[in-house]
């Protein structure tokens, strides 16, 4: 079923005008001459005069890694770019694709512990360079830049928050985890954290411990844990009735 969906999506993206769901596939070339595929969505409002729009960087999970510039669109991105969302919350959506053998955050999978002394991964270094370039756009509201992600992208959400704290007004990590030694730097960023209580891939203890750590620092992130939810709670999470309203209301300094 997954392969069929990818095939259909690939055909639609390659044969359509640049307005298939508003998404346009592009390739970023880093300072190190490495390439990073990404899709970007511009709402109709972008092409109007005197426009300032929010940006949402979306980081996919480990199963969507590769170089086809399509797989990362399986989850969440079509919903974010849909009319149902964009009619209420017009925004620029950025969806990069992590290379097959890389990871958004320096975390050992399965054990969920930091590796390489927490040094930035090559994939995340490219995402940061990509964002540095894209955020120069004068039509972007610099006070309304957001990040979210699922699973591997949940880890990546915390990672980029810690590295580029000054960019983000809020974040929505789903079934991920963070390096607790670094979270004091992000305590002032509004977070809505999600996890499934029965997640057997990424233990919910990672989110619980993070929330506890932040609360010990005197901040109170929003935490939603689905009692009967497994690892794939992201479709429920992104459709929480108040989530996107909450997200796009957050403003940085």
Protein backbone atom coordinates (compact mmCIF):
# COMPACT_ATOMS: atom_id res chain seq x y z
CA UNK A 1 0.00 0.00 0.00
CA UNK A 2 2.87 2.34 0.89
CA UNK A 3 4.57 1.71 -2.46
CA UNK A 4 1.33 2.34 -4.34
CA UNK A 5 0.83 5.62 -2.52
CA UNK A 6 4.41 6.68 -3.22
CA UNK A 7 4.01 5.82 -6.89
CA UNK A 8 0.84 7.84 -7.25
CA UNK A 9 2.31 10.77 -5.32
CA UNK A 10 5.49 10.71 -7.42
CA UNK A 11 3.47 10.79 -10.66
CA UNK A 12 1.33 13.66 -9.42
CA UNK A 13 4.35 15.69 -8.38
CA UNK A 14 6.24 15.08 -11.62
CA UNK A 15 3.33 15.63 -13.99
CA UNK A 16 1.49 18.47 -12.34
CA UNK A 17 1.99 22.19 -12.44
CA UNK A 18 3.92 23.54 -9.43
CA UNK A 19 0.58 23.67 -7.59
CA UNK A 20 0.03 20.01 -6.68
CA UNK A 21 -1.24 20.77 -3.19
CA UNK A 22 0.89 23.89 -3.63
CA UNK A 23 4.03 21.78 -3.13
CA UNK A 24 7.16 22.28 -5.19
CA UNK A 25 10.07 19.85 -5.06
CA UNK A 26 13.50 21.47 -4.90
CA UNK A 27 17.11 20.59 -4.11
CA UNK A 28 19.32 22.55 -1.75
CA UNK A 29 23.12 22.49 -2.21
CA UNK A 30 25.02 23.11 1.01
CA UNK A 31 28.34 24.89 1.50
CA UNK A 32 29.93 21.42 1.47
CA UNK A 33 28.32 20.75 -1.94
CA UNK A 34 25.99 18.15 -0.48
CA UNK A 35 22.41 18.02 -1.73
CA UNK A 36 19.26 18.00 0.37
CA UNK A 37 15.88 17.35 -1.29
CA UNK A 38 12.98 19.33 0.07
CA UNK A 39 9.44 20.32 -0.76
CA UNK A 40 8.07 23.77 -0.07
CA UNK A 41 4.53 25.06 -0.02
CA UNK A 42 3.59 28.70 -0.66
CA UNK A 43 -0.05 29.69 -0.04
CA UNK A 44 -1.84 32.02 -2.43
CA UNK A 45 -1.41 34.83 0.08
CA UNK A 46 2.35 34.70 -0.54
CA UNK A 47 1.85 36.28 -3.95
CA UNK A 48 -0.08 39.24 -2.59
CA UNK A 49 1.56 42.55 -1.79
CA UNK A 50 2.58 43.47 1.74
CA UNK A 51 2.40 39.86 2.90
CA UNK A 52 4.05 38.48 6.03
CA UNK A 53 3.51 34.75 6.53
CA UNK A 54 4.48 32.23 9.21
CA UNK A 55 6.73 29.27 8.43
CA UNK A 56 6.41 25.69 9.64
CA UNK A 57 9.42 23.40 9.23
CA UNK A 58 8.25 19.78 9.25
CA UNK A 59 10.68 16.91 9.97
CA UNK A 60 9.65 13.40 8.91
CA UNK A 61 10.33 10.03 10.52
CA UNK A 62 13.05 7.44 9.86
CA UNK A 63 10.91 5.41 7.46
CA UNK A 64 10.69 8.31 5.02
CA UNK A 65 14.42 8.84 4.57
CA UNK A 66 15.92 8.72 1.07
CA UNK A 67 16.50 10.92 -1.96
CA UNK A 68 13.24 10.65 -3.95
CA UNK A 69 11.88 13.93 -2.53
CA UNK A 70 8.50 12.25 -2.18
CA UNK A 71 8.59 9.82 0.76
CA UNK A 72 8.72 12.62 3.33
CA UNK A 73 5.28 13.72 2.13
CA UNK A 74 3.50 10.52 3.22
CA UNK A 75 2.55 11.79 6.65
CA UNK A 76 1.24 15.18 7.79
CA UNK A 77 2.58 17.41 4.98
CA UNK A 78 -0.44 16.91 2.67
CA UNK A 79 -2.70 17.83 5.56
CA UNK A 80 -0.69 20.96 6.39
CA UNK A 81 -0.83 22.03 2.73
CA UNK A 82 -4.52 21.20 2.36
CA UNK A 83 -7.27 23.75 1.85
CA UNK A 84 -8.83 22.76 5.16
CA UNK A 85 -5.72 23.99 6.99
CA UNK A 86 -4.53 26.75 4.68
CA UNK A 87 -7.94 28.43 4.52
CA UNK A 88 -7.61 29.05 8.27
CA UNK A 89 -3.85 29.24 8.73
CA UNK A 90 -2.06 30.34 5.55
CA UNK A 91 1.59 29.47 6.01
CA UNK A 92 4.76 28.40 4.26
CA UNK A 93 5.52 24.70 4.81
CA UNK A 94 9.07 23.38 4.45
CA UNK A 95 9.59 19.59 4.29
CA UNK A 96 13.20 18.42 3.81
CA UNK A 97 14.15 14.78 3.30
CA UNK A 98 16.87 13.16 5.39
CA UNK A 99 19.37 10.89 3.54
CA UNK A 100 18.85 7.16 4.02
CA UNK A 101 21.80 6.55 6.34
CA UNK A 102 21.57 9.78 8.31
CA UNK A 103 19.44 11.03 11.18
CA UNK A 104 18.02 14.40 12.20
CA UNK A 105 19.55 14.23 15.69
CA UNK A 106 22.72 12.60 17.09
CA UNK A 107 20.81 9.84 18.85
CA UNK A 108 21.47 6.10 18.99
CA UNK A 109 18.30 4.45 17.76
CA UNK A 110 16.71 1.93 20.09
CA UNK A 111 18.68 3.14 23.10
CA UNK A 112 17.70 6.79 22.46
CA UNK A 113 20.93 8.13 23.93
CA UNK A 114 23.14 10.94 22.52
CA UNK A 115 26.10 9.96 20.34
CA UNK A 116 29.14 11.82 18.94
CA UNK A 117 29.12 14.19 21.92
CA UNK A 118 25.89 15.64 20.57
CA UNK A 119 27.50 17.07 17.44
CA UNK A 120 25.12 18.15 14.72
CA UNK A 121 24.38 15.45 12.14
CA UNK A 122 25.19 16.17 8.48
CA UNK A 123 21.47 16.13 7.64
CA UNK A 124 20.57 18.66 10.35
CA UNK A 125 23.51 20.85 9.36
CA UNK A 126 22.03 20.99 5.86
CA UNK A 127 18.57 21.79 7.20
CA UNK A 128 20.01 24.69 9.20
CA UNK A 129 21.79 26.04 6.12
CA UNK A 130 18.60 25.65 4.09
CA UNK A 131 16.60 27.54 6.70
CA UNK A 132 19.23 30.27 6.92
CA UNK A 133 18.73 30.82 3.20
CA UNK A 134 14.95 30.59 3.14
CA UNK A 135 14.45 32.83 6.16
CA UNK A 136 15.99 35.74 4.29
CA UNK A 137 12.69 36.02 2.39
CA UNK A 138 11.14 39.42 3.29
CA UNK A 139 7.66 37.87 3.11
CA UNK A 140 8.35 35.69 6.13
CA UNK A 141 7.15 36.82 9.54
CA UNK A 142 10.33 36.37 11.58
CA UNK A 143 8.30 36.25 14.79
CA UNK A 144 6.23 33.28 13.64
CA UNK A 145 8.64 30.50 12.74
CA UNK A 146 7.67 27.03 13.97
CA UNK A 147 8.99 23.47 13.85
CA UNK A 148 7.40 20.08 14.30
CA UNK A 149 8.12 16.48 13.53
CA UNK A 150 7.24 12.86 14.22
CA UNK A 151 9.39 10.05 15.61
CA UNK A 152 12.89 10.72 14.21
CA UNK A 153 11.50 14.15 13.37
CA UNK A 154 10.40 14.55 16.99
CA UNK A 155 14.02 14.09 18.03
CA UNK A 156 15.03 16.47 15.23
CA UNK A 157 12.55 19.06 16.49
CA UNK A 158 14.24 19.20 19.88
CA UNK A 159 17.67 19.15 18.26
CA UNK A 160 17.12 22.18 16.03
CA UNK A 161 15.35 23.99 18.88
CA UNK A 162 18.48 23.63 20.99
CA UNK A 163 20.78 24.73 18.16
CA UNK A 164 18.74 27.64 16.78
CA UNK A 165 16.62 28.63 19.76
CA UNK A 166 16.34 32.24 18.58
CA UNK A 167 14.46 31.22 15.43
CA UNK A 168 11.40 29.51 16.84
CA UNK A 169 8.19 30.80 18.39
CA UNK A 170 6.80 27.33 19.22
CA UNK A 171 7.17 23.63 18.43
CA UNK A 172 5.10 20.44 18.20
CA UNK A 173 7.25 17.31 18.76
CA UNK A 174 5.41 14.01 18.32
CA UNK A 175 6.65 10.68 19.76
CA UNK A 176 10.24 11.88 20.05
CA UNK A 177 12.76 12.64 22.75
CA UNK A 178 15.40 15.18 23.72
CA UNK A 179 18.85 15.37 25.24
CA UNK A 180 17.84 16.42 28.76
CA UNK A 181 21.23 18.06 29.37
CA UNK A 182 20.34 20.70 26.77
CA UNK A 183 16.67 21.43 27.41
CA UNK A 184 17.25 24.35 29.76
CA UNK A 185 18.04 26.38 26.64
CA UNK A 186 14.56 25.83 25.22
CA UNK A 187 12.50 26.22 28.38
CA UNK A 188 11.04 29.52 27.16
CA UNK A 189 9.78 28.10 23.84
CA UNK A 190 6.11 27.06 23.94
CA UNK A 191 5.81 23.31 23.34
CA UNK A 192 2.86 21.02 22.72
CA UNK A 193 4.28 17.51 23.13
CA UNK A 194 2.56 14.29 22.02
CA UNK A 195 3.17 10.61 22.69
CA UNK A 196 1.32 7.31 22.75
CA UNK A 197 1.24 5.53 26.12
CA UNK A 198 1.69 2.17 24.35
CA UNK A 199 4.46 3.28 22.00
CA UNK A 200 6.81 0.29 21.61
CA UNK A 201 9.18 2.06 19.19
CA UNK A 202 10.04 5.23 21.08
CA UNK A 203 9.26 4.83 24.77
CA UNK A 204 6.83 7.42 26.16
CA UNK A 205 9.19 7.82 29.11
CA UNK A 206 11.25 10.10 26.90
CA UNK A 207 8.42 12.61 26.65
CA UNK A 208 7.38 12.11 30.27
CA UNK A 209 10.91 12.74 31.53
CA UNK A 210 11.25 15.83 29.36
CA UNK A 211 7.98 17.26 30.63
CA UNK A 212 9.04 16.55 34.21
CA UNK A 213 12.40 18.24 33.62
CA UNK A 214 10.77 21.34 32.16
CA UNK A 215 8.23 21.53 34.97
CA UNK A 216 11.07 21.36 37.46
CA UNK A 217 12.43 24.47 35.74
CA UNK A 218 9.16 26.26 36.36
CA UNK A 219 7.65 25.99 32.89
CA UNK A 220 4.55 24.08 31.88
CA UNK A 221 4.57 22.62 28.36
CA UNK A 222 1.33 21.19 27.03
CA UNK A 223 1.53 17.40 27.05
CA UNK A 224 -0.96 15.06 25.41
CA UNK A 225 -0.47 11.34 25.96
CA UNK A 226 -2.92 9.02 24.22
CA UNK A 227 -3.81 6.23 26.64
CA UNK A 228 -4.34 3.61 23.93
CA UNK A 229 -1.97 5.13 21.39
CA UNK A 230 1.00 3.33 19.89
CA UNK A 231 3.82 4.88 17.91
CA UNK A 232 1.69 6.24 15.08
CA UNK A 233 -0.30 8.86 16.98
CA UNK A 234 0.76 11.68 14.66
CA UNK A 235 -2.46 11.78 12.64
CA UNK A 236 -4.48 12.18 15.83
CA UNK A 237 -2.06 14.74 17.20
CA UNK A 238 -1.95 17.04 14.18
CA UNK A 239 -5.76 17.06 14.07
CA UNK A 240 -6.27 18.02 17.71
CA UNK A 241 -8.96 20.71 17.41
CA UNK A 242 -6.97 23.46 19.14
CA UNK A 243 -3.44 22.54 18.04
CA UNK A 244 -2.91 24.61 14.90
CA UNK A 245 -4.83 27.56 16.31
CA UNK A 246 -2.54 27.43 19.35
CA UNK A 247 0.58 27.03 17.21
CA UNK A 248 -0.03 29.93 14.85
CA UNK A 249 -0.97 32.23 17.72
CA UNK A 250 2.50 31.90 19.26
CA UNK A 251 4.90 34.74 18.55
CA UNK A 252 8.59 35.11 19.22
CA UNK A 253 10.41 38.24 20.28
